[in-house]
Every structure is written in C-alpha cells, then in structure tokens.
Protein backbone atom coordinates (compact mmCIF):
# COMPACT_ATOMS: atom_id res chain seq x y z
CA UNK A 1 -12.45 20.26 21.46
CA UNK A 2 -10.85 16.25 21.30
CA UNK A 3 -9.77 14.63 24.11
CA UNK A 4 -6.37 13.91 24.63
CA UNK A 5 -5.87 11.64 27.88
CA UNK A 6 -8.34 10.26 30.37
CA UNK A 7 -8.33 13.07 32.67
CA UNK A 8 -9.14 15.60 30.05
CA UNK A 9 -11.81 12.89 29.09
CA UNK A 10 -13.17 12.94 32.44
CA UNK A 11 -12.94 16.61 32.76
CA UNK A 12 -14.65 16.83 29.03
CA UNK A 13 -17.47 14.45 30.55
CA UNK A 14 -17.76 17.08 33.59
CA UNK A 15 -18.30 19.97 31.34
CA UNK A 16 -20.95 18.02 29.02
CA UNK A 17 -22.79 17.14 32.30
CA UNK A 18 -22.70 20.70 33.44
CA UNK A 19 -24.13 21.93 29.92
CA UNK A 20 -26.96 19.61 30.40
CA UNK A 21 -27.23 21.10 33.83
CA UNK A 22 -27.95 24.45 32.17
CA UNK A 23 -30.68 23.41 29.86
CA UNK A 24 -34.33 24.00 31.42
CA UNK A 25 -35.28 21.86 33.76
CA UNK A 26 -38.80 21.55 32.54
CA UNK A 27 -39.61 18.97 29.95
CA UNK A 28 -37.67 16.34 27.98
CA UNK A 29 -33.79 17.06 26.68
CA UNK A 30 -34.16 16.45 23.15
CA UNK A 31 -31.42 14.70 21.31
CA UNK A 32 -31.16 14.40 17.28
CA UNK A 33 -29.23 11.65 15.70
CA UNK A 34 -28.59 13.65 12.49
CA UNK A 35 -26.04 11.10 10.69
CA UNK A 36 -25.10 7.53 11.01
CA UNK A 37 -23.18 6.66 7.74
CA UNK A 38 -20.93 4.10 6.71
CA UNK A 39 -18.78 5.14 3.78
CA UNK A 40 -16.88 2.60 1.43
CA UNK A 41 -14.43 2.93 -1.82
CA UNK A 42 -15.15 -0.76 -2.95
CA UNK A 43 -18.46 -2.58 -2.35
CA UNK A 44 -16.63 -5.51 -2.94
CA UNK A 45 -14.33 -5.53 -0.16
CA UNK A 46 -16.91 -3.90 2.30
CA UNK A 47 -20.44 -5.18 0.70
CA UNK A 48 -23.32 -3.71 2.58
CA UNK A 49 -24.03 -5.90 5.64
CA UNK A 50 -26.53 -3.29 6.81
CA UNK A 51 -29.27 -4.90 4.33
CA UNK A 52 -29.27 -7.24 7.16
CA UNK A 53 -32.10 -6.04 9.59
CA UNK A 54 -31.18 -7.71 12.69
CA UNK A 55 -27.58 -6.63 12.45
CA UNK A 56 -28.37 -2.95 11.77
CA UNK A 57 -31.01 -3.03 14.36
CA UNK A 58 -28.04 -4.40 16.94
CA UNK A 59 -25.93 -2.05 15.92
CA UNK A 60 -28.04 0.91 15.90
CA UNK A 61 -29.47 0.06 19.48
CA UNK A 62 -25.90 -0.59 20.98
CA UNK A 63 -24.95 3.18 19.46
CA UNK A 64 -28.03 4.72 20.62
CA UNK A 65 -26.94 3.39 24.49
CA UNK A 66 -23.48 4.77 23.87
CA UNK A 67 -24.82 8.12 23.00
CA UNK A 68 -27.50 8.06 26.18
CA UNK A 69 -24.36 7.12 28.52
CA UNK A 70 -22.31 10.37 27.40
CA UNK A 71 -25.34 12.73 26.89
CA UNK A 72 -26.96 11.60 30.12
CA UNK A 73 -30.53 11.66 28.03
CA UNK A 74 -33.26 9.31 28.10
CA UNK A 75 -34.09 9.16 24.61
CA UNK A 76 -32.78 9.75 21.12
CA UNK A 77 -34.45 10.52 17.91
CA UNK A 78 -33.29 9.64 14.50
CA UNK A 79 -33.12 12.26 11.34
CA UNK A 80 -32.31 9.69 8.63
CA UNK A 81 -34.83 7.48 6.80
CA UNK A 82 -32.58 4.41 7.24
CA UNK A 83 -30.89 4.00 10.65
CA UNK A 84 -27.46 3.34 9.13
CA UNK A 85 -26.77 4.79 5.99
CA UNK A 86 -24.80 2.75 3.59
CA UNK A 87 -22.76 4.85 0.90
CA UNK A 88 -20.08 4.43 -1.90
CA UNK A 89 -17.36 7.18 -1.61
CA UNK A 90 -17.50 10.66 -0.97
CA UNK A 91 -19.04 13.10 -1.66
CA UNK A 92 -21.79 12.92 1.02
CA UNK A 93 -24.05 15.15 2.92
CA UNK A 94 -23.60 15.45 6.50
CA UNK A 95 -26.84 16.58 7.82
CA UNK A 96 -25.61 18.30 10.85
CA UNK A 97 -24.56 21.11 8.72
CA UNK A 98 -27.53 21.90 7.46
CA UNK A 99 -29.98 21.19 9.83
CA UNK A 100 -32.38 23.85 11.50
CA UNK A 101 -31.48 24.04 15.10
CA UNK A 102 -34.20 24.84 16.68
CA UNK A 103 -36.23 21.73 18.01
CA UNK A 104 -33.66 19.89 19.90
CA UNK A 105 -30.97 20.40 22.62
CA UNK A 106 -28.20 18.07 21.06
CA UNK A 107 -27.40 17.19 17.52
CA UNK A 108 -25.11 14.20 16.91
CA UNK A 109 -23.37 13.14 13.82
CA UNK A 110 -21.42 9.40 13.63
CA UNK A 111 -19.63 8.94 10.14
CA UNK A 112 -17.60 5.77 9.65
CA UNK A 113 -15.42 4.97 6.64
CA UNK A 114 -13.22 2.07 5.77
CA UNK A 115 -10.01 2.34 3.56
CA UNK A 116 -6.81 0.30 2.93
CA UNK A 117 -3.27 0.47 2.80
CA UNK A 118 -1.52 -1.57 0.57
CA UNK A 119 2.32 -2.09 0.59
CA UNK A 120 4.61 -2.91 -2.42
CA UNK A 121 4.18 -6.18 -2.08
CA UNK A 122 0.56 -6.39 -2.42
CA UNK A 123 -0.12 -6.73 1.37
CA UNK A 124 -3.16 -5.03 2.80
CA UNK A 125 -4.15 -3.68 5.80
CA UNK A 126 -7.81 -2.62 6.16
CA UNK A 127 -9.05 0.15 8.43
CA UNK A 128 -12.50 1.53 9.58
CA UNK A 129 -12.27 5.34 10.77
CA UNK A 130 -15.16 6.61 13.15
CA UNK A 131 -15.77 10.27 14.42
CA UNK A 132 -18.46 11.12 16.48
CA UNK A 133 -19.45 14.91 16.78
CA UNK A 134 -22.12 16.52 19.09
CA UNK A 135 -23.39 19.98 18.89
CA UNK A 136 -25.91 22.18 20.82
CA UNK A 137 -28.08 25.08 18.44
CA UNK A 138 -24.61 27.28 18.94
CA UNK A 139 -21.63 25.28 19.68
CA UNK A 140 -19.90 22.09 19.50
CA UNK A 141 -19.52 20.48 22.57
CA UNK A 142 -17.57 17.11 21.68
CA UNK A 143 -15.79 15.60 19.01
CA UNK A 144 -13.60 12.22 18.81
CA UNK A 145 -12.04 10.06 16.36
CA UNK A 146 -10.61 6.53 16.41
CA UNK A 147 -10.08 3.62 13.99
CA UNK A 148 -9.84 -0.14 14.10
CA UNK A 149 -6.88 -1.75 11.65
CA UNK A 150 -7.03 -5.28 10.67
CA UNK A 151 -5.49 -7.87 8.76
CA UNK A 152 -6.35 -11.07 7.15
CA UNK A 153 -5.37 -14.61 7.37
CA UNK A 154 -5.65 -16.84 4.53
CA UNK A 155 -6.11 -20.88 4.31
CA UNK A 156 -4.62 -21.74 1.09
CA UNK A 157 -7.10 -24.65 0.28
CA UNK A 158 -9.74 -22.61 0.41
CA UNK A 159 -11.70 -20.44 -2.44
CA UNK A 160 -12.10 -16.52 -0.95
CA UNK A 161 -14.96 -14.57 -0.97
CA UNK A 162 -14.38 -10.53 -2.19
CA UNK A 163 -15.52 -9.69 1.02
CA UNK A 164 -12.72 -9.40 3.17
CA UNK A 165 -14.72 -9.95 6.26
CA UNK A 166 -17.68 -11.90 7.39
CA UNK A 167 -20.65 -10.38 8.88
CA UNK A 168 -20.47 -11.76 11.81
CA UNK A 169 -16.98 -10.46 12.20
CA UNK A 170 -17.68 -7.10 10.76
CA UNK A 171 -20.28 -6.71 13.61
CA UNK A 172 -18.03 -7.53 16.30
CA UNK A 173 -15.26 -4.99 14.69
CA UNK A 174 -18.10 -2.19 14.29
CA UNK A 175 -19.13 -2.43 17.80
CA UNK A 176 -15.91 -2.40 19.39
CA UNK A 177 -14.96 0.51 16.89
CA UNK A 178 -18.06 2.69 18.30
CA UNK A 179 -17.29 2.03 22.04
CA UNK A 180 -13.81 2.82 21.37
CA UNK A 181 -14.80 6.24 19.54
CA UNK A 182 -17.46 7.06 22.66
CA UNK A 183 -15.70 5.65 25.71
CA UNK A 184 -11.73 5.24 25.07
CA UNK A 185 -8.87 7.87 24.81
CA UNK A 186 -7.21 5.24 23.06
CA UNK A 187 -7.22 6.06 19.11
CA UNK A 188 -6.63 2.75 18.00
CA UNK A 189 -7.85 -0.81 17.93
CA UNK A 190 -5.95 -3.73 16.18
CA UNK A 191 -7.31 -6.96 15.02
CA UNK A 192 -7.08 -10.02 12.87
CA UNK A 193 -9.58 -12.13 10.88
CA UNK A 194 -9.73 -15.12 8.79
CA UNK A 195 -10.87 -14.38 5.17
CA UNK A 196 -14.00 -15.71 4.37
CA UNK A 197 -14.67 -18.55 2.33
CA UNK A 198 -16.73 -18.87 -0.88
CA UNK A 199 -19.47 -21.41 -0.06
CA UNK A 200 -21.72 -20.89 -3.29
CA UNK A 201 -19.08 -22.88 -5.51
CA UNK A 202 -19.10 -26.19 -3.28
CA UNK A 203 -21.64 -27.82 -5.29
CA UNK A 204 -19.72 -26.86 -8.52
CA UNK A 205 -16.12 -27.96 -6.81
CA UNK A 206 -17.52 -31.25 -5.36
CA UNK A 207 -18.72 -32.69 -9.06
CA UNK A 208 -15.53 -31.13 -11.03
CA UNK A 209 -12.76 -32.65 -12.13
CA UNK A 210 -9.53 -31.72 -10.09
CA UNK A 211 -6.48 -30.93 -11.83
CA UNK A 212 -3.42 -29.65 -9.94
CA UNK A 213 -0.52 -27.45 -12.16
CA UNK A 214 2.66 -26.53 -10.88
CA UNK A 215 4.67 -23.98 -12.46
CA UNK A 216 8.32 -23.39 -12.65
CA UNK A 217 10.12 -20.00 -14.33
CA UNK A 218 13.36 -19.69 -15.65
CA UNK A 219 14.49 -15.93 -17.22
CA UNK A 220 12.44 -16.14 -20.23
CA UNK A 221 10.44 -19.51 -19.86
CA UNK A 222 7.68 -20.58 -17.77
CA UNK A 223 6.87 -24.36 -17.35
CA UNK A 224 3.36 -25.70 -16.34
CA UNK A 225 3.33 -29.45 -15.13
CA UNK A 226 0.62 -31.13 -13.86
CA UNK A 227 1.18 -33.22 -11.05
CA UNK A 228 -1.04 -36.34 -10.15
CA UNK A 229 -0.02 -39.55 -8.04
CA UNK A 230 3.80 -38.30 -7.89
CA UNK A 231 3.62 -38.29 -11.72
CA UNK A 232 4.61 -35.33 -13.89
CA UNK A 233 3.04 -34.39 -17.42
CA UNK A 234 4.32 -31.52 -19.25
CA UNK A 235 1.13 -29.17 -19.46
CA UNK A 236 1.96 -25.65 -21.08
CA UNK A 237 5.41 -23.85 -21.69
CA UNK A 238 5.26 -19.86 -21.95
CA UNK A 239 8.16 -18.49 -23.67
CA UNK A 240 8.80 -14.74 -23.17
CA UNK A 241 10.37 -12.88 -26.13
CA UNK A 242 12.21 -9.20 -25.79
CA UNK A 243 10.08 -6.49 -25.16
CA UNK A 244 9.59 -3.65 -27.82
CA UNK A 245 8.88 -0.28 -26.98
CA UNK A 246 7.57 1.92 -29.68
CA UNK A 247 8.39 5.14 -27.55
CA UNK A 248 6.60 8.11 -27.14
CA UNK A 249 4.62 9.79 -30.14
CA UNK A 250 3.62 13.09 -29.74
CA UNK A 251 0.59 13.91 -32.09
CA UNK A 252 -0.54 17.57 -32.33
CA UNK A 253 1.05 19.12 -28.92
CA UNK A 254 -2.43 17.44 -27.39
CA UNK A 255 -1.45 14.20 -26.14
CA UNK A 256 1.41 11.66 -25.68
CA UNK A 257 0.63 8.28 -27.28
CA UNK A 258 2.55 5.42 -25.42
CA UNK A 259 3.02 2.25 -27.00
CA UNK A 260 3.98 -1.12 -25.61
CA UNK A 261 4.46 -4.35 -27.79
CA UNK A 262 5.87 -7.95 -26.71
CA UNK A 263 5.81 -11.56 -28.07
CA UNK A 264 5.10 -14.85 -26.33
CA UNK A 265 5.02 -18.38 -27.65
CA UNK A 266 2.95 -21.07 -26.06
CA UNK A 267 3.75 -24.72 -26.57
CA UNK A 268 1.07 -27.63 -26.03
CA UNK A 269 3.11 -30.54 -25.88
CA UNK A 270 0.18 -32.94 -25.64
CA UNK A 271 -1.38 -31.58 -28.81
CA UNK A 272 1.78 -30.62 -30.31
CA UNK A 273 0.48 -27.24 -31.04
CA UNK A 274 2.61 -23.71 -30.96
CA UNK A 275 0.68 -20.69 -30.56
CA UNK A 276 2.40 -16.82 -31.29
CA UNK A 277 0.62 -14.15 -29.11
CA UNK A 278 1.49 -10.57 -29.21
CA UNK A 279 0.71 -8.33 -26.78
CA UNK A 280 -0.44 -4.86 -27.65
CA UNK A 281 -0.80 -1.89 -25.04
CA UNK A 282 -1.49 1.79 -25.87
CA UNK A 283 -2.11 4.57 -23.75
CA UNK A 284 -2.65 8.55 -24.19
CA UNK A 285 -1.82 11.48 -21.72
CA UNK A 286 -3.66 14.75 -22.37
CA UNK A 287 -1.45 17.29 -21.85
CA UNK A 288 -3.77 20.13 -20.43
CA UNK A 289 -5.63 17.67 -17.85
CA UNK A 290 -2.64 15.21 -17.53
CA UNK A 291 -5.61 12.38 -17.66
CA UNK A 292 -3.94 9.12 -18.69
CA UNK A 293 -6.07 6.53 -20.18
CA UNK A 294 -5.81 3.08 -21.97
CA UNK A 295 -6.71 3.29 -25.63
CA UNK A 296 -6.04 -0.41 -26.79
CA UNK A 297 -5.05 -3.74 -24.80
CA UNK A 298 -5.14 -6.97 -26.96
CA UNK A 299 -3.71 -10.32 -27.36
CA UNK A 300 -3.32 -11.24 -30.90
CA UNK A 301 -3.47 -15.07 -31.24
CA UNK A 302 -1.73 -16.69 -34.20
CA UNK A 303 -1.35 -20.33 -34.71
CA UNK A 304 -1.19 -22.49 -38.16
CA UNK A 305 -4.43 -22.11 -39.82
CA UNK A 306 -6.10 -19.24 -37.68
CA UNK A 307 -5.88 -15.97 -35.73
CA UNK A 308 -7.80 -14.51 -33.04
CA UNK A 309 -8.05 -11.11 -31.31
CA UNK A 310 -8.47 -11.18 -27.44
CA UNK A 311 -9.50 -8.19 -25.76
CA UNK A 312 -8.36 -7.81 -21.76
CA UNK A 313 -8.97 -5.10 -19.36
CA UNK A 314 -6.51 -4.38 -16.46
CA UNK A 315 -7.49 -2.32 -13.59
CA UNK A 316 -6.90 0.98 -12.75
CA UNK A 317 -3.16 0.63 -11.91
CA UNK A 318 -2.72 -1.24 -14.92
CA UNK A 319 -1.20 -3.94 -13.17
CA UNK A 320 -4.08 -6.48 -12.71
CA UNK A 321 -5.76 -8.47 -15.53
CA UNK A 322 -9.64 -8.95 -14.50
CA UNK A 323 -11.76 -9.72 -17.32
CA UNK A 324 -10.34 -11.24 -20.79
CA UNK A 325 -12.69 -12.03 -23.36
CA UNK A 326 -12.20 -14.93 -26.62
CA UNK A 327 -14.64 -14.82 -29.30
CA UNK A 328 -13.76 -17.95 -31.31
CA UNK A 329 -16.90 -17.95 -33.71
CA UNK A 330 -20.54 -16.82 -32.99
CA UNK A 331 -21.65 -20.34 -31.37
CA UNK A 332 -18.25 -20.30 -29.04
CA UNK A 333 -17.34 -17.40 -27.00
CA UNK A 334 -15.38 -17.43 -23.59
CA UNK A 335 -14.83 -15.17 -20.85
CA UNK A 336 -12.58 -14.94 -17.81
CA UNK A 337 -13.39 -13.06 -14.62
CA UNK A 338 -10.79 -12.78 -12.06
CA UNK A 339 -10.73 -10.51 -8.88
CA UNK A 340 -7.30 -9.41 -7.26
CA UNK A 341 -9.06 -9.45 -3.75
CA UNK A 342 -9.69 -13.25 -4.00
CA UNK A 343 -7.84 -16.49 -4.94
CA UNK A 344 -9.72 -17.50 -8.08
CA UNK A 345 -10.58 -17.07 -11.56
CA UNK A 346 -13.96 -18.17 -12.96
CA UNK A 347 -14.26 -19.18 -16.78
CA UNK A 348 -17.55 -19.02 -18.96
CA UNK A 349 -18.66 -19.86 -21.90
CA UNK A 350 -21.73 -18.73 -23.44
CA UNK A 351 -22.47 -17.02 -20.12
CA UNK A 352 -22.40 -20.59 -18.31
CA UNK A 353 -19.61 -21.51 -15.90
CA UNK A 354 -17.51 -24.25 -17.12
CA UNK A 355 -14.41 -23.80 -14.72
CA UNK A 356 -12.70 -22.35 -11.69
CA UNK A 357 -9.12 -21.54 -11.21
CA UNK A 358 -7.55 -21.72 -7.86
CA UNK A 359 -4.48 -19.23 -7.84
CA UNK A 360 -1.49 -19.62 -5.71
CA UNK A 361 -2.41 -17.10 -3.07
CA UNK A 362 -4.58 -14.31 -2.00
CA UNK A 363 -3.57 -10.60 -0.78
CA UNK A 364 -0.81 -10.66 -3.11
CA UNK A 365 -0.02 -9.43 -6.80
CA UNK A 366 0.37 -12.92 -8.80
CA UNK A 367 3.59 -12.29 -10.32
CA UNK A 368 5.42 -12.19 -6.81
CA UNK A 369 4.65 -15.43 -6.13
CA UNK A 370 6.97 -18.03 -6.17
CA UNK A 371 6.61 -21.58 -6.98
CA UNK A 372 3.03 -20.91 -7.95
CA UNK A 373 0.67 -24.02 -8.07
CA UNK A 374 -2.62 -23.73 -9.52
CA UNK A 375 -5.62 -25.88 -8.98
CA UNK A 376 -8.04 -26.46 -12.05
CA UNK A 377 -12.06 -27.47 -11.35
CA UNK A 378 -13.30 -28.24 -14.85
CA UNK A 379 -17.15 -29.26 -14.86
CA UNK A 380 -17.58 -33.00 -15.21
CA UNK A 381 -17.85 -34.29 -18.62
CA UNK A 382 -16.20 -31.43 -20.28
CA UNK A 383 -15.39 -32.06 -23.80
CA UNK A 384 -11.73 -32.07 -25.01
CA UNK A 385 -11.58 -29.64 -27.18
CA UNK A 386 -13.47 -27.30 -24.63
CA UNK A 387 -10.91 -28.38 -21.41
CA UNK A 388 -8.36 -27.56 -24.32
CA UNK A 389 -9.42 -23.80 -24.65
CA UNK A 390 -9.86 -23.39 -21.07
CA UNK A 391 -5.94 -24.20 -20.78
CA UNK A 392 -5.36 -21.90 -23.55
CA UNK A 393 -7.42 -19.37 -21.75
CA UNK A 394 -5.45 -19.90 -18.54
CA UNK A 395 -2.28 -19.43 -20.48
CA UNK A 396 -3.35 -16.03 -22.08
CA UNK A 397 -4.43 -14.84 -18.59
CA UNK A 398 -0.97 -15.91 -17.35
CA UNK A 399 0.36 -13.84 -20.12
CA UNK A 400 -1.50 -10.54 -19.73
CA UNK A 401 -0.91 -10.43 -16.43
CA UNK A 402 2.91 -10.84 -17.05
CA UNK A 403 2.67 -8.33 -19.84
CA UNK A 404 1.04 -5.59 -18.02
CA UNK A 405 3.50 -6.26 -14.76
CA UNK A 406 6.12 -5.18 -17.55
CA UNK A 407 4.06 -2.50 -18.68
CA UNK A 408 3.76 -0.98 -15.26
CA UNK A 409 7.18 -1.40 -14.66
CA UNK A 410 8.44 0.69 -17.76
CA UNK A 411 5.98 3.36 -17.14
CA UNK A 412 7.33 3.46 -13.41
CA UNK A 413 10.73 4.30 -14.77
CA UNK A 414 9.89 6.83 -17.20
C-alpha cells in the first residue's frame, strides 16, 4: 500500500497504530531494521561519505527517530554489521526478504540509491531515490517512496573534485530525503548545490607557471593562442583532414569489424615543427551476443625524424577520452588523465605530476563548448623540452576527443 495524499497517509498511520494496539500488551514491541543501504553506480561522483563516523551516526540516529515516530515504538535493533551499507551497483541482497520472522514484531527495510540523467548537451541532473518498507511477520503494512533531484552550479575559476556534492551538502540532502520519505506525501524534492572544489592541488597551483590559452575554431582548423598582458602569441594549430571510413567488414559470419581513420596536422610556430597525426579506431560487434567492444584506439604521430604511437582510452560511450599514454623512450614516458565529471586534466611524467590543465567548462561535453579557454599550470622550473611535450600531449588530447566525437557521430548514424 502506497499513500497517495494527506488523507490516505493519516488513515494509513491510523491503521498502523491500530496494528500496534493489536500486538501483545505485555513486553516490549520489537522492531528490526533489516536493511539500511546506499547504492551508487559511480563511486567517483558519489564517494562513500559513510566512512565518516560522525556523519553516519547522525544520519542513523535521525533515521531511527523517524522510524520510532512512525511505528510508535521505543527502540529499534539493527541487523546489518554496518549501520549504513554503501554498495556499488545492484544486485544486492535485501535482508528483509530472507530473514526469519520469529523474534520481532516489525521488520523495516530502507533502501536509497543514486542516479543521474544526462541531456544530449551533457547537462546532468542527479537523483537520489529512497524507499522504506515495513512488514510484520505476516504482512506488509507500509511502503513509501520519494526522491530528491539536484543540479550543480559551477565557478569557472575553480578546479573541481570528482564528487558532485560536498559531505556537508550530502548530509543535508540525505536527511531531508529521509524525512520526506517517512512523513510527507510529496514524492519529490528539488535542490541546487555548488560543485565542490579541489583543495589538494592548491600547493601545486600556487607555485606553478600559469599560461592562459584561447581557442578559435573554423571548419577545418583550430588555432590555440597564448594571451598575456593584452598580447597574443600563436601557440598551436590543429588542422583536420577529411575522414576516411573503411566500412564494415564481415569476418567468418562471426562479427562486424568497424574501422575509422582520420588525419590531423599540428603546427608549432615557435619550434617551427609540423606533426602528422593519424587517428585509428577499430571495433567489433559479435553477431550472437550483439556485444560491441573496442579493438584498437591509437594516434600515430610522425615528424621529420621520429614516429610515435600513442594509446588512448575512451569511455564506454566512446565520446570522451579519459587516458592517453605517450612513451617516447624508456626514460621518458607521459600519461594524461582526464575526468569528464570535472574540469581538469592531469599530466604525469614517470609517475610525477608536472602539469594541470583547466578545461573551459564543467558538466558539458568538451566539443560543444564555444570559444574555449584553457588554463595551463606547469610545474615550476620545468625544462623547455618537457613543456613543449606537455603542449603536444594537450594537442593529442584535443585530437583524440575530436576524433572520437566524430566516430561516435558516424556510429550513431549507421
């Protein structure tokens, strides 16, 4: 039974109180909280805030109070080893379905879960659902569901954390959701929070060399320019050559092999250097399982004297490149790590952080941002050769994302 309006809730609570009065008057009414779970599908966006003992105790105490008010009982026992169980994705075991019904009068399950809705422009709306269920040894006497929907606001001057919400904001949101679930006939709450900033990089950024780079884009060319004290210096130019589609190749009636190729040219006016980059993408779709898997994603880089292969890793939607590895030689290796939930890119050399690049926007797909502005934070006293290679790695990152955006567009049109 799910309450629909205030009258039904009052009637429901009356029935609940009546059911309590039918229980034996001698001895204490025993209530068992069988489940108290928080389920997430992304541990970066929603980290385990319940590792904080103080936060957990506060939420657990308030939840027990709400239960006691609804059930008109004095005490509640907890079945789980952890007061609030944090889990990554279903399936999960809901204890209330399996527990033996001999020792208690009420059995209560409280399940909460986090989700996200994303528009075609990449804007995200986050949702946390809650469901409370109360059963007796023989019947279900109370089920109610509610949700809280929240959006994020951004300060473009900040570097953002992977988490979409601070611990303090999460505590308020979670408690408001639980109160709404237990006591209100409104099924949804709506909120807005500021995206939490990263504090751990403050030391690096305060000592770093800062460079602002603006991007101007035409149909086939992207021009990156360093802006400083009203002066403009050409930084890098990326030119896109026409896309080549190798087509669909059937192999032994087992799979479709899809291949995509495209060529880019990068010009560095300062170094008077010209690089040829070929983007290669290959995927397979199994006929029987219909499962699609990526076989190869590479950038092949060539200049006058050298050739390099860079491996990059798009996400499961093949629309965002989150890792790019460049091995120049055994002594010099680079790794770029990006996160589409944040507005920064980290660049490492042999395991050490040497640069942070702030992207022009958060919460949106990079390709859809107009008039992009990037902020480079180079580690202090970085050698010019290393700085140049960081700049090239940035160019490869832009190319890989542009290439995968076109691959994704072509795939969706097939």
